[in-house]
Amino acid sequence: MRVFLYNQQVTDSLTESYIKLANENGIPVVGVYETMPTPGYTYQTWMLAEVNALSKAVTDRVSTQRL
């Protein structure tokens, strides 16, 4: 697995255990949003922020858990 993606807006203990497991194994973690985060985003900037976070995870192995 190259990146672990999860829905930032809906987490529980199972999600947290997967995040911990990914971190322990050097897998970048990226929190994505089901609905547009508020405030300060348009649809385009929201999507671009998520794509950029995924790109950083794949190319630079950088985790981004919040936009």
PDB file of N, CA and C in Angstrom:
ATOM      1  N   MET A   1       0.841  -1.154   0.000  1.00  0.00           N
ATOM      2  CA  MET A   1       0.000   0.000   0.000  1.00  0.00           C
ATOM      3  C   MET A   1       0.896   1.229   0.000  1.00  0.00           C
ATOM      4  N   ARG A   2       0.616   2.175  -0.884  1.00  0.00           N
ATOM      5  CA  ARG A   2       1.452   3.382  -0.980  1.00  0.00           C
ATOM      6  C   ARG A   2       0.918   4.528  -0.143  1.00  0.00           C
ATOM      7  N   VAL A   3      -0.416   4.603   0.010  1.00  0.00           N
ATOM      8  CA  VAL A   3      -1.045   5.695   0.755  1.00  0.00           C
ATOM      9  C   VAL A   3      -2.298   5.156   1.421  1.00  0.00           C
ATOM     10  N   PHE A   4      -2.571   5.626   2.641  1.00  0.00           N
ATOM     11  CA  PHE A   4      -3.826   5.294   3.310  1.00  0.00           C
ATOM     12  C   PHE A   4      -4.705   6.538   3.290  1.00  0.00           C
ATOM     13  N   LEU A   5      -5.843   6.453   2.605  1.00  0.00           N
ATOM     14  CA  LEU A   5      -6.825   7.536   2.546  1.00  0.00           C
ATOM     15  C   LEU A   5      -7.981   7.205   3.470  1.00  0.00           C
ATOM     16  N   TYR A   6      -8.495   8.225   4.153  1.00  0.00           N
ATOM     17  CA  TYR A   6      -9.669   8.006   4.990  1.00  0.00           C
ATOM     18  C   TYR A   6     -10.535   9.254   5.007  1.00  0.00           C
ATOM     19  N   ASN A   7     -11.797   9.078   5.323  1.00  0.00           N
ATOM     20  CA  ASN A   7     -12.747  10.183   5.391  1.00  0.00           C
ATOM     21  C   ASN A   7     -12.514  10.946   6.688  1.00  0.00           C
ATOM     22  N   GLN A   8     -11.942  12.121   6.589  1.00  0.00           N
ATOM     23  CA  GLN A   8     -11.605  12.940   7.741  1.00  0.00           C
ATOM     24  C   GLN A   8     -12.843  13.325   8.564  1.00  0.00           C
ATOM     25  N   GLN A   9     -13.990  13.385   7.933  1.00  0.00           N
ATOM     26  CA  GLN A   9     -15.199  13.858   8.612  1.00  0.00           C
ATOM     27  C   GLN A   9     -15.928  12.766   9.396  1.00  0.00           C
ATOM     28  N   VAL A  10     -15.548  11.524   9.194  1.00  0.00           N
ATOM     29  CA  VAL A  10     -16.191  10.418   9.905  1.00  0.00           C
ATOM     30  C   VAL A  10     -15.107   9.443  10.352  1.00  0.00           C
ATOM     31  N   THR A  11     -14.703   9.555  11.615  1.00  0.00           N
ATOM     32  CA  THR A  11     -13.689   8.638  12.131  1.00  0.00           C
ATOM     33  C   THR A  11     -14.210   7.966  13.397  1.00  0.00           C
ATOM     34  N   ASP A  12     -13.652   6.827  13.677  1.00  0.00           N
ATOM     35  CA  ASP A  12     -13.985   6.093  14.901  1.00  0.00           C
ATOM     36  C   ASP A  12     -12.730   5.355  15.355  1.00  0.00           C
ATOM     37  N   SER A  13     -12.872   4.488  16.323  1.00  0.00           N
ATOM     38  CA  SER A  13     -11.705   3.786  16.862  1.00  0.00           C
ATOM     39  C   SER A  13     -11.058   2.878  15.811  1.00  0.00           C
ATOM     40  N   LEU A  14     -11.845   2.307  14.918  1.00  0.00           N
ATOM     41  CA  LEU A  14     -11.279   1.454  13.868  1.00  0.00           C
ATOM     42  C   LEU A  14     -10.432   2.298  12.915  1.00  0.00           C
ATOM     43  N   THR A  15     -10.950   3.456  12.535  1.00  0.00           N
ATOM     44  CA  THR A  15     -10.189   4.363  11.678  1.00  0.00           C
ATOM     45  C   THR A  15      -8.879   4.743  12.342  1.00  0.00           C
ATOM     46  N   GLU A  16      -8.938   5.104  13.617  1.00  0.00           N
ATOM     47  CA  GLU A  16      -7.736   5.496  14.347  1.00  0.00           C
ATOM     48  C   GLU A  16      -6.726   4.357  14.412  1.00  0.00           C
ATOM     49  N   SER A  17      -7.199   3.123  14.547  1.00  0.00           N
ATOM     50  CA  SER A  17      -6.266   1.991  14.593  1.00  0.00           C
ATOM     51  C   SER A  17      -5.586   1.792  13.237  1.00  0.00           C
ATOM     52  N   TYR A  18      -6.312   2.012  12.131  1.00  0.00           N
ATOM     53  CA  TYR A  18      -5.706   1.914  10.801  1.00  0.00           C
ATOM     54  C   TYR A  18      -4.692   3.029  10.574  1.00  0.00           C
ATOM     55  N   ILE A  19      -5.008   4.234  11.034  1.00  0.00           N
ATOM     56  CA  ILE A  19      -4.074   5.354  10.913  1.00  0.00           C
ATOM     57  C   ILE A  19      -2.791   5.046  11.683  1.00  0.00           C
ATOM     58  N   LYS A  20      -2.947   4.544  12.889  1.00  0.00           N
ATOM     59  CA  LYS A  20      -1.779   4.195  13.704  1.00  0.00           C
ATOM     60  C   LYS A  20      -0.947   3.120  13.018  1.00  0.00           C
ATOM     61  N   LEU A  21      -1.595   2.106  12.479  1.00  0.00           N
ATOM     62  CA  LEU A  21      -0.896   1.028  11.783  1.00  0.00           C
ATOM     63  C   LEU A  21      -0.148   1.562  10.557  1.00  0.00           C
ATOM     64  N   ALA A  22      -0.790   2.443   9.812  1.00  0.00           N
ATOM     65  CA  ALA A  22      -0.129   3.039   8.639  1.00  0.00           C
ATOM     66  C   ALA A  22       1.098   3.831   9.075  1.00  0.00           C
ATOM     67  N   ASN A  23       0.943   4.655  10.102  1.00  0.00           N
ATOM     68  CA  ASN A  23       2.082   5.446  10.597  1.00  0.00           C
ATOM     69  C   ASN A  23       3.227   4.562  11.065  1.00  0.00           C
ATOM     70  N   GLU A  24       2.914   3.489  11.765  1.00  0.00           N
ATOM     71  CA  GLU A  24       3.946   2.566  12.260  1.00  0.00           C
ATOM     72  C   GLU A  24       4.703   1.886  11.127  1.00  0.00           C
ATOM     73  N   ASN A  25       4.050   1.784   9.970  1.00  0.00           N
ATOM     74  CA  ASN A  25       4.672   1.098   8.838  1.00  0.00           C
ATOM     75  C   ASN A  25       5.159   2.050   7.754  1.00  0.00           C
ATOM     76  N   GLY A  26       5.229   3.333   8.072  1.00  0.00           N
ATOM     77  CA  GLY A  26       5.766   4.307   7.134  1.00  0.00           C
ATOM     78  C   GLY A  26       4.888   4.585   5.934  1.00  0.00           C
ATOM     79  N   ILE A  27       3.603   4.347   6.078  1.00  0.00           N
ATOM     80  CA  ILE A  27       2.665   4.605   4.988  1.00  0.00           C
ATOM     81  C   ILE A  27       2.053   5.981   5.197  1.00  0.00           C
ATOM     82  N   PRO A  28       2.168   6.884   4.216  1.00  0.00           N
ATOM     83  CA  PRO A  28       1.579   8.205   4.363  1.00  0.00           C
ATOM     84  C   PRO A  28       0.061   8.126   4.522  1.00  0.00           C
ATOM     85  N   VAL A  29      -0.471   9.017   5.345  1.00  0.00           N
ATOM     86  CA  VAL A  29      -1.901   9.056   5.645  1.00  0.00           C
ATOM     87  C   VAL A  29      -2.470  10.362   5.106  1.00  0.00           C
ATOM     88  N   VAL A  30      -3.571  10.261   4.361  1.00  0.00           N
ATOM     89  CA  VAL A  30      -4.211  11.454   3.815  1.00  0.00           C
ATOM     90  C   VAL A  30      -5.683  11.435   4.190  1.00  0.00           C
ATOM     91  N   GLY A  31      -6.097  12.468   4.915  1.00  0.00           N
ATOM     92  CA  GLY A  31      -7.503  12.629   5.252  1.00  0.00           C
ATOM     93  C   GLY A  31      -8.206  13.386   4.146  1.00  0.00           C
ATOM     94  N   VAL A  32      -9.243  12.793   3.588  1.00  0.00           N
ATOM     95  CA  VAL A  32     -10.036  13.450   2.548  1.00  0.00           C
ATOM     96  C   VAL A  32     -11.395  13.816   3.132  1.00  0.00           C
ATOM     97  N   TYR A  33     -12.101  14.664   2.440  1.00  0.00           N
ATOM     98  CA  TYR A  33     -13.376  15.167   2.932  1.00  0.00           C
ATOM     99  C   TYR A  33     -14.514  14.727   2.038  1.00  0.00           C
ATOM    100  N   GLU A  34     -15.590  14.282   2.658  1.00  0.00           N
ATOM    101  CA  GLU A  34     -16.791  13.846   1.951  1.00  0.00           C
ATOM    102  C   GLU A  34     -17.585  15.049   1.455  1.00  0.00           C
ATOM    103  N   THR A  35     -17.635  16.076   2.275  1.00  0.00           N
ATOM    104  CA  THR A  35     -18.291  17.328   1.892  1.00  0.00           C
ATOM    105  C   THR A  35     -17.280  18.457   2.062  1.00  0.00           C
ATOM    106  N   MET A  36     -17.496  19.541   1.362  1.00  0.00           N
ATOM    107  CA  MET A  36     -16.538  20.640   1.353  1.00  0.00           C
ATOM    108  C   MET A  36     -16.313  21.192   2.753  1.00  0.00           C
ATOM    109  N   PRO A  37     -15.029  21.248   3.166  1.00  0.00           N
ATOM    110  CA  PRO A  37     -14.731  21.818   4.478  1.00  0.00           C
ATOM    111  C   PRO A  37     -15.021  23.320   4.492  1.00  0.00           C
ATOM    112  N   THR A  38     -15.349  23.821   5.656  1.00  0.00           N
ATOM    113  CA  THR A  38     -15.682  25.242   5.767  1.00  0.00           C
ATOM    114  C   THR A  38     -14.707  25.936   6.679  1.00  0.00           C
ATOM    115  N   PRO A  39     -14.555  27.196   6.609  1.00  0.00           N
ATOM    116  CA  PRO A  39     -14.816  28.037   5.429  1.00  0.00           C
ATOM    117  C   PRO A  39     -13.580  28.119   4.561  1.00  0.00           C
ATOM    118  N   GLY A  40     -13.643  28.941   3.540  1.00  0.00           N
ATOM    119  CA  GLY A  40     -12.463  29.272   2.767  1.00  0.00           C
ATOM    120  C   GLY A  40     -12.203  28.451   1.522  1.00  0.00           C
ATOM    121  N   TYR A  41     -13.066  27.520   1.194  1.00  0.00           N
ATOM    122  CA  TYR A  41     -12.849  26.718  -0.002  1.00  0.00           C
ATOM    123  C   TYR A  41     -13.973  26.923  -1.009  1.00  0.00           C
ATOM    124  N   THR A  42     -13.597  26.915  -2.269  1.00  0.00           N
ATOM    125  CA  THR A  42     -14.562  26.740  -3.343  1.00  0.00           C
ATOM    126  C   THR A  42     -14.447  25.278  -3.747  1.00  0.00           C
ATOM    127  N   TYR A  43     -15.340  24.814  -4.590  1.00  0.00           N
ATOM    128  CA  TYR A  43     -15.249  23.429  -5.034  1.00  0.00           C
ATOM    129  C   TYR A  43     -13.882  23.162  -5.665  1.00  0.00           C
ATOM    130  N   GLN A  44     -13.437  24.079  -6.512  1.00  0.00           N
ATOM    131  CA  GLN A  44     -12.178  23.887  -7.216  1.00  0.00           C
ATOM    132  C   GLN A  44     -10.983  23.873  -6.255  1.00  0.00           C
ATOM    133  N   THR A  45     -10.935  24.795  -5.292  1.00  0.00           N
ATOM    134  CA  THR A  45      -9.793  24.814  -4.369  1.00  0.00           C
ATOM    135  C   THR A  45      -9.817  23.606  -3.434  1.00  0.00           C
ATOM    136  N   TRP A  46     -11.010  23.149  -3.086  1.00  0.00           N
ATOM    137  CA  TRP A  46     -11.142  21.954  -2.256  1.00  0.00           C
ATOM    138  C   TRP A  46     -10.581  20.732  -2.988  1.00  0.00           C
ATOM    139  N   MET A  47     -11.018  20.524  -4.231  1.00  0.00           N
ATOM    140  CA  MET A  47     -10.540  19.374  -5.006  1.00  0.00           C
ATOM    141  C   MET A  47      -9.044  19.464  -5.257  1.00  0.00           C
ATOM    142  N   LEU A  48      -8.556  20.660  -5.564  1.00  0.00           N
ATOM    143  CA  LEU A  48      -7.129  20.844  -5.797  1.00  0.00           C
ATOM    144  C   LEU A  48      -6.322  20.535  -4.533  1.00  0.00           C
ATOM    145  N   ALA A  49      -6.810  20.951  -3.386  1.00  0.00           N
ATOM    146  CA  ALA A  49      -6.121  20.665  -2.126  1.00  0.00           C
ATOM    147  C   ALA A  49      -6.044  19.160  -1.874  1.00  0.00           C
ATOM    148  N   GLU A  50      -7.114  18.437  -2.165  1.00  0.00           N
ATOM    149  CA  GLU A  50      -7.097  16.984  -1.960  1.00  0.00           C
ATOM    150  C   GLU A  50      -6.165  16.291  -2.946  1.00  0.00           C
ATOM    151  N   VAL A  51      -6.176  16.732  -4.200  1.00  0.00           N
ATOM    152  CA  VAL A  51      -5.270  16.156  -5.198  1.00  0.00           C
ATOM    153  C   VAL A  51      -3.819  16.444  -4.828  1.00  0.00           C
ATOM    154  N   ASN A  52      -3.537  17.657  -4.372  1.00  0.00           N
ATOM    155  CA  ASN A  52      -2.169  18.006  -3.959  1.00  0.00           C
ATOM    156  C   ASN A  52      -1.710  17.173  -2.764  1.00  0.00           C
ATOM    157  N   ALA A  53      -2.602  16.953  -1.804  1.00  0.00           N
ATOM    158  CA  ALA A  53      -2.259  16.125  -0.641  1.00  0.00           C
ATOM    159  C   ALA A  53      -1.940  14.695  -1.071  1.00  0.00           C
ATOM    160  N   LEU A  54      -2.735  14.150  -1.979  1.00  0.00           N
ATOM    161  CA  LEU A  54      -2.484  12.792  -2.475  1.00  0.00           C
ATOM    162  C   LEU A  54      -1.173  12.742  -3.254  1.00  0.00           C
ATOM    163  N   SER A  55      -0.920  13.751  -4.054  1.00  0.00           N
ATOM    164  CA  SER A  55       0.316  13.805  -4.828  1.00  0.00           C
ATOM    165  C   SER A  55       1.540  13.846  -3.908  1.00  0.00           C
ATOM    166  N   LYS A  56       1.494  14.657  -2.851  1.00  0.00           N
ATOM    167  CA  LYS A  56       2.600  14.727  -1.894  1.00  0.00           C
ATOM    168  C   LYS A  56       2.826  13.377  -1.211  1.00  0.00           C
ATOM    169  N   ALA A  57       1.729  12.679  -0.919  1.00  0.00           N
ATOM    170  CA  ALA A  57       1.847  11.372  -0.266  1.00  0.00           C
ATOM    171  C   ALA A  57       2.520  10.361  -1.189  1.00  0.00           C
ATOM    172  N   VAL A  58       2.137  10.362  -2.457  1.00  0.00           N
ATOM    173  CA  VAL A  58       2.688   9.389  -3.402  1.00  0.00           C
ATOM    174  C   VAL A  58       4.132   9.723  -3.766  1.00  0.00           C
ATOM    175  N   THR A  59       4.412  10.991  -4.033  1.00  0.00           N
ATOM    176  CA  THR A  59       5.750  11.340  -4.517  1.00  0.00           C
ATOM    177  C   THR A  59       6.758  11.587  -3.401  1.00  0.00           C
ATOM    178  N   ASP A  60       6.304  12.237  -2.301  1.00  0.00           N
ATOM    179  CA  ASP A  60       7.235  12.617  -1.241  1.00  0.00           C
ATOM    180  C   ASP A  60       7.022  11.873   0.072  1.00  0.00           C
ATOM    181  N   ARG A  61       6.004  11.007   0.100  1.00  0.00           N
ATOM    182  CA  ARG A  61       5.660  10.231   1.292  1.00  0.00           C
ATOM    183  C   ARG A  61       5.324  11.126   2.485  1.00  0.00           C
ATOM    184  N   VAL A  62       4.582  12.209   2.216  1.00  0.00           N
ATOM    185  CA  VAL A  62       4.185  13.178   3.233  1.00  0.00           C
ATOM    186  C   VAL A  62       2.716  12.965   3.583  1.00  0.00           C
ATOM    187  N   SER A  63       2.430  12.841   4.880  1.00  0.00           N
ATOM    188  CA  SER A  63       1.052  12.698   5.339  1.00  0.00           C
ATOM    189  C   SER A  63       0.399  14.077   5.443  1.00  0.00           C
ATOM    190  N   THR A  64      -0.898  14.126   5.131  1.00  0.00           N
ATOM    191  CA  THR A  64      -1.701  15.332   5.278  1.00  0.00           C
ATOM    192  C   THR A  64      -3.046  14.897   5.854  1.00  0.00           C
ATOM    193  N   GLN A  65      -3.250  15.130   7.126  1.00  0.00           N
ATOM    194  CA  GLN A  65      -4.486  14.683   7.732  1.00  0.00           C
ATOM    195  C   GLN A  65      -5.539  15.779   7.816  1.00  0.00           C
ATOM    196  N   ARG A  66      -5.145  17.010   7.569  1.00  0.00           N
ATOM    197  CA  ARG A  66      -6.093  18.135   7.522  1.00  0.00           C
ATOM    198  C   ARG A  66      -5.720  19.024   6.365  1.00  0.00           C
ATOM    199  N   LEU A  67      -6.734  19.539   5.676  1.00  0.00           N
ATOM    200  CA  LEU A  67      -6.470  20.481   4.575  1.00  0.00           C
ATOM    201  C   LEU A  67      -6.076  21.824   5.121  1.00  0.00           C
TER     202      LEU A  67
END
